[in-house]
N, C-alpha and C. Protein backbone atom coordinates (compact mmCIF):
# COMPACT_ATOMS: atom_id res chain seq x y z
N UNK A 1 128.71 96.98 130.61
CA UNK A 1 127.67 96.89 129.60
C UNK A 1 126.37 97.53 130.09
N UNK A 2 126.11 97.39 131.37
CA UNK A 2 124.89 97.98 131.93
C UNK A 2 124.90 99.50 131.78
N UNK A 3 126.10 100.11 131.80
CA UNK A 3 126.21 101.56 131.65
C UNK A 3 125.70 102.00 130.28
N UNK A 4 125.94 101.20 129.25
CA UNK A 4 125.44 101.53 127.92
C UNK A 4 123.93 101.47 127.86
N UNK A 5 123.33 100.53 128.56
CA UNK A 5 121.87 100.46 128.61
C UNK A 5 121.29 101.70 129.30
N UNK A 6 121.92 102.12 130.38
CA UNK A 6 121.46 103.31 131.09
C UNK A 6 121.64 104.55 130.21
N UNK A 7 122.79 104.67 129.56
CA UNK A 7 123.03 105.80 128.66
C UNK A 7 122.02 105.81 127.52
N UNK A 8 121.73 104.65 126.95
CA UNK A 8 120.74 104.55 125.89
C UNK A 8 119.37 105.01 126.39
N UNK A 9 119.01 104.62 127.59
CA UNK A 9 117.73 105.03 128.17
C UNK A 9 117.65 106.53 128.37
N UNK A 10 118.74 107.12 128.86
CA UNK A 10 118.76 108.58 129.08
C UNK A 10 118.66 109.33 127.76
N UNK A 11 119.43 108.89 126.76
CA UNK A 11 119.37 109.54 125.44
C UNK A 11 117.99 109.36 124.82
N UNK A 12 117.37 108.21 125.01
CA UNK A 12 116.02 107.97 124.48
C UNK A 12 115.01 108.91 125.12
N UNK A 13 115.13 109.14 126.41
CA UNK A 13 114.21 110.07 127.10
C UNK A 13 114.42 111.50 126.59
N UNK A 14 115.67 111.91 126.45
CA UNK A 14 115.95 113.26 125.94
C UNK A 14 115.41 113.42 124.52
N UNK A 15 115.59 112.41 123.69
CA UNK A 15 115.07 112.45 122.32
C UNK A 15 113.55 112.50 122.32
N UNK A 16 112.90 111.73 123.18
CA UNK A 16 111.44 111.75 123.27
C UNK A 16 110.94 113.13 123.69
N UNK A 17 111.64 113.77 124.63
CA UNK A 17 111.25 115.12 125.05
C UNK A 17 111.42 116.13 123.92
N UNK A 18 112.50 116.00 123.16
CA UNK A 18 112.72 116.90 122.03
C UNK A 18 111.65 116.71 120.95
N UNK A 19 111.30 115.46 120.66
CA UNK A 19 110.25 115.20 119.68
C UNK A 19 108.89 115.71 120.17
N UNK A 20 108.61 115.53 121.45
CA UNK A 20 107.35 116.03 122.02
C UNK A 20 107.29 117.55 121.93
N UNK A 21 108.42 118.21 122.15
CA UNK A 21 108.47 119.67 122.03
C UNK A 21 108.12 120.11 120.61
N UNK A 22 108.68 119.42 119.62
CA UNK A 22 108.40 119.77 118.22
C UNK A 22 106.92 119.55 117.91
N UNK A 23 106.36 118.44 118.39
CA UNK A 23 104.96 118.14 118.12
C UNK A 23 104.04 119.16 118.77
N UNK A 24 104.35 119.57 119.98
CA UNK A 24 103.45 120.43 120.75
C UNK A 24 103.68 121.93 120.54
N UNK A 25 104.79 122.32 119.95
CA UNK A 25 105.08 123.75 119.79
C UNK A 25 104.13 124.37 118.77
N UNK A 26 103.48 125.47 119.13
CA UNK A 26 102.47 126.05 118.22
C UNK A 26 103.04 126.68 116.96
N UNK A 27 104.30 127.09 116.96
CA UNK A 27 104.86 127.74 115.77
C UNK A 27 105.40 126.75 114.75
N UNK A 28 105.48 125.48 115.10
CA UNK A 28 105.97 124.47 114.15
C UNK A 28 104.76 123.93 113.39
N UNK A 29 104.71 124.19 112.10
CA UNK A 29 103.60 123.77 111.24
C UNK A 29 104.07 122.62 110.37
N UNK A 30 103.97 121.40 110.88
CA UNK A 30 104.53 120.27 110.16
C UNK A 30 103.50 119.48 109.35
N UNK A 31 102.24 119.64 109.61
CA UNK A 31 101.23 118.89 108.87
C UNK A 31 100.88 117.59 109.55
N UNK A 32 99.79 116.99 109.12
CA UNK A 32 99.24 115.80 109.77
C UNK A 32 100.17 114.60 109.69
N UNK A 33 100.69 114.28 108.50
CA UNK A 33 101.52 113.08 108.34
C UNK A 33 102.82 113.20 109.13
N UNK A 34 103.46 114.36 109.04
CA UNK A 34 104.72 114.54 109.77
C UNK A 34 104.48 114.51 111.27
N UNK A 35 103.40 115.14 111.71
CA UNK A 35 103.07 115.12 113.14
C UNK A 35 102.82 113.69 113.61
N UNK A 36 102.09 112.91 112.83
CA UNK A 36 101.83 111.51 113.20
C UNK A 36 103.14 110.72 113.28
N UNK A 37 104.02 110.92 112.33
CA UNK A 37 105.31 110.24 112.36
C UNK A 37 106.15 110.64 113.55
N UNK A 38 106.13 111.92 113.90
CA UNK A 38 106.88 112.38 115.07
C UNK A 38 106.32 111.79 116.36
N UNK A 39 105.00 111.65 116.42
CA UNK A 39 104.37 111.04 117.60
C UNK A 39 104.80 109.58 117.72
N UNK A 40 104.78 108.85 116.61
CA UNK A 40 105.23 107.45 116.63
C UNK A 40 106.69 107.37 117.07
N UNK A 41 107.52 108.27 116.56
CA UNK A 41 108.93 108.28 116.95
C UNK A 41 109.09 108.58 118.44
N UNK A 42 108.31 109.52 118.94
CA UNK A 42 108.36 109.86 120.36
C UNK A 42 107.98 108.66 121.23
N UNK A 43 106.91 107.99 120.85
CA UNK A 43 106.48 106.81 121.61
C UNK A 43 107.51 105.69 121.53
N UNK A 44 108.16 105.55 120.38
CA UNK A 44 109.18 104.51 120.26
C UNK A 44 110.39 104.83 121.14
N UNK A 45 110.71 106.10 121.29
CA UNK A 45 111.81 106.48 122.18
C UNK A 45 111.46 106.20 123.63
N UNK A 46 110.21 106.42 124.01
CA UNK A 46 109.77 106.08 125.36
C UNK A 46 109.86 104.57 125.57
N UNK A 47 109.45 103.81 124.56
CA UNK A 47 109.57 102.35 124.63
C UNK A 47 111.00 101.89 124.70
N UNK A 48 111.86 102.56 123.95
CA UNK A 48 113.29 102.22 123.97
C UNK A 48 113.89 102.50 125.35
N UNK A 49 113.48 103.59 125.96
CA UNK A 49 113.96 103.89 127.31
C UNK A 49 113.48 102.84 128.30
N UNK A 50 112.22 102.45 128.19
CA UNK A 50 111.68 101.43 129.09
C UNK A 50 112.43 100.10 128.92
N UNK A 51 112.73 99.77 127.68
CA UNK A 51 113.46 98.53 127.41
C UNK A 51 114.88 98.63 127.98
N UNK A 52 115.50 99.80 127.84
CA UNK A 52 116.87 99.97 128.32
C UNK A 52 116.98 99.88 129.83
N UNK A 53 115.98 100.39 130.54
CA UNK A 53 116.03 100.39 131.99
C UNK A 53 115.55 99.09 132.61
N UNK A 54 115.00 98.20 131.81
CA UNK A 54 114.53 96.92 132.33
C UNK A 54 115.42 95.80 131.77
N UNK A 55 115.17 94.62 132.21
CA UNK A 55 115.91 93.47 131.66
C UNK A 55 115.07 92.83 130.57
N UNK A 56 114.91 93.57 129.48
CA UNK A 56 114.04 93.13 128.40
C UNK A 56 114.77 92.17 127.46
N UNK A 57 114.00 91.50 126.68
CA UNK A 57 114.52 90.56 125.70
C UNK A 57 114.87 91.29 124.41
N UNK A 58 115.59 90.61 123.55
CA UNK A 58 115.99 91.17 122.27
C UNK A 58 114.77 91.54 121.42
N UNK A 59 113.72 90.77 121.51
CA UNK A 59 112.50 91.04 120.74
C UNK A 59 111.90 92.39 121.12
N UNK A 60 111.96 92.76 122.40
CA UNK A 60 111.43 94.06 122.83
C UNK A 60 112.25 95.20 122.24
N UNK A 61 113.55 95.02 122.18
CA UNK A 61 114.41 96.02 121.57
C UNK A 61 114.10 96.16 120.09
N UNK A 62 113.88 95.04 119.42
CA UNK A 62 113.52 95.06 118.00
C UNK A 62 112.21 95.81 117.78
N UNK A 63 111.23 95.58 118.65
CA UNK A 63 109.94 96.25 118.51
C UNK A 63 110.07 97.76 118.64
N UNK A 64 110.88 98.23 119.60
CA UNK A 64 111.10 99.67 119.76
C UNK A 64 111.81 100.24 118.53
N UNK A 65 112.79 99.53 118.01
CA UNK A 65 113.51 100.00 116.83
C UNK A 65 112.61 100.00 115.60
N UNK A 66 111.74 99.00 115.49
CA UNK A 66 110.80 98.94 114.37
C UNK A 66 109.84 100.12 114.42
N UNK A 67 109.35 100.46 115.61
CA UNK A 67 108.45 101.60 115.75
C UNK A 67 109.15 102.90 115.34
N UNK A 68 110.42 103.04 115.72
CA UNK A 68 111.18 104.23 115.34
C UNK A 68 111.31 104.33 113.82
N UNK A 69 111.64 103.23 113.18
CA UNK A 69 111.77 103.24 111.71
C UNK A 69 110.44 103.51 111.03
N UNK A 70 109.37 103.01 111.61
CA UNK A 70 108.03 103.30 111.07
C UNK A 70 107.74 104.79 111.16
N UNK A 71 108.08 105.39 112.28
CA UNK A 71 107.88 106.83 112.45
C UNK A 71 108.69 107.64 111.45
N UNK A 72 109.93 107.24 111.23
CA UNK A 72 110.77 107.93 110.24
C UNK A 72 110.16 107.80 108.84
N UNK A 73 109.65 106.62 108.51
CA UNK A 73 109.01 106.42 107.21
C UNK A 73 107.78 107.32 107.06
N UNK A 74 106.97 107.42 108.10
CA UNK A 74 105.78 108.28 108.05
C UNK A 74 106.18 109.74 107.87
N UNK A 75 107.23 110.17 108.56
CA UNK A 75 107.71 111.54 108.40
C UNK A 75 108.18 111.78 106.97
N UNK A 76 108.89 110.83 106.40
CA UNK A 76 109.36 110.95 105.01
C UNK A 76 108.19 111.04 104.03
N UNK A 77 107.17 110.22 104.24
CA UNK A 77 105.98 110.27 103.39
C UNK A 77 105.31 111.64 103.53
N UNK A 78 105.19 112.12 104.76
CA UNK A 78 104.59 113.43 105.00
C UNK A 78 105.37 114.55 104.33
N UNK A 79 106.68 114.46 104.40
CA UNK A 79 107.51 115.47 103.75
C UNK A 79 107.33 115.42 102.24
N UNK A 80 107.27 114.22 101.67
CA UNK A 80 107.07 114.08 100.22
C UNK A 80 105.72 114.66 99.79
N UNK A 81 104.68 114.41 100.58
CA UNK A 81 103.35 114.96 100.27
C UNK A 81 103.39 116.49 100.34
N UNK A 82 104.03 117.01 101.38
CA UNK A 82 104.12 118.46 101.55
C UNK A 82 104.92 119.09 100.42
N UNK A 83 106.03 118.45 100.02
CA UNK A 83 106.86 118.95 98.94
C UNK A 83 106.11 118.93 97.62
N UNK A 84 105.40 117.83 97.36
CA UNK A 84 104.63 117.72 96.10
C UNK A 84 103.54 118.77 96.03
N UNK A 85 102.88 119.01 97.15
CA UNK A 85 101.82 120.02 97.18
C UNK A 85 102.41 121.40 96.92
N UNK A 86 103.58 121.67 97.47
CA UNK A 86 104.24 122.96 97.25
C UNK A 86 104.61 123.13 95.78
N UNK A 87 105.10 122.06 95.15
CA UNK A 87 105.45 122.10 93.72
C UNK A 87 104.20 122.38 92.89
N UNK A 88 103.10 121.67 93.22
CA UNK A 88 101.85 121.87 92.47
C UNK A 88 101.32 123.29 92.65
N UNK A 89 101.41 123.84 93.86
CA UNK A 89 100.96 125.21 94.10
C UNK A 89 101.79 126.20 93.33
N UNK A 90 103.11 125.98 93.30
CA UNK A 90 104.00 126.88 92.53
C UNK A 90 103.70 126.78 91.04
N UNK A 91 103.39 125.57 90.57
CA UNK A 91 103.08 125.37 89.15
C UNK A 91 101.78 126.09 88.78
N UNK A 92 100.78 126.02 89.67
CA UNK A 92 99.51 126.70 89.40
C UNK A 92 99.66 128.21 89.39
N UNK A 93 100.53 128.74 90.27
CA UNK A 93 100.75 130.18 90.31
C UNK A 93 101.43 130.67 89.04
N UNK A 94 102.36 129.90 88.50
CA UNK A 94 103.06 130.31 87.29
C UNK A 94 102.20 130.11 86.05
N UNK A 95 101.23 129.21 86.11
CA UNK A 95 100.34 128.96 84.97
C UNK A 95 99.31 130.05 84.77
N UNK A 96 98.94 130.69 85.85
CA UNK A 96 97.88 131.70 85.74
C UNK A 96 98.40 133.08 85.53
């Protein structure tokens, strides 16, 4: 069972590094809301790794998972805002 905790910690670190790369890469233009959600997700992955490598309680695992879900929600909101703005811009271009 301990092997699964270690594997979870390693995967969490790799995921955090991938999310940090997306946030910090200059060619990725994700916008404020999506960037904020990705940062929350990255921090939750770091927390998940810390929980996996320690003898943490179930509540700590829940907190890391809650932070990840919050980050996903923020990214979804950001995407919806970006999509709506794109629709409105396209509508204005066709109206004129």
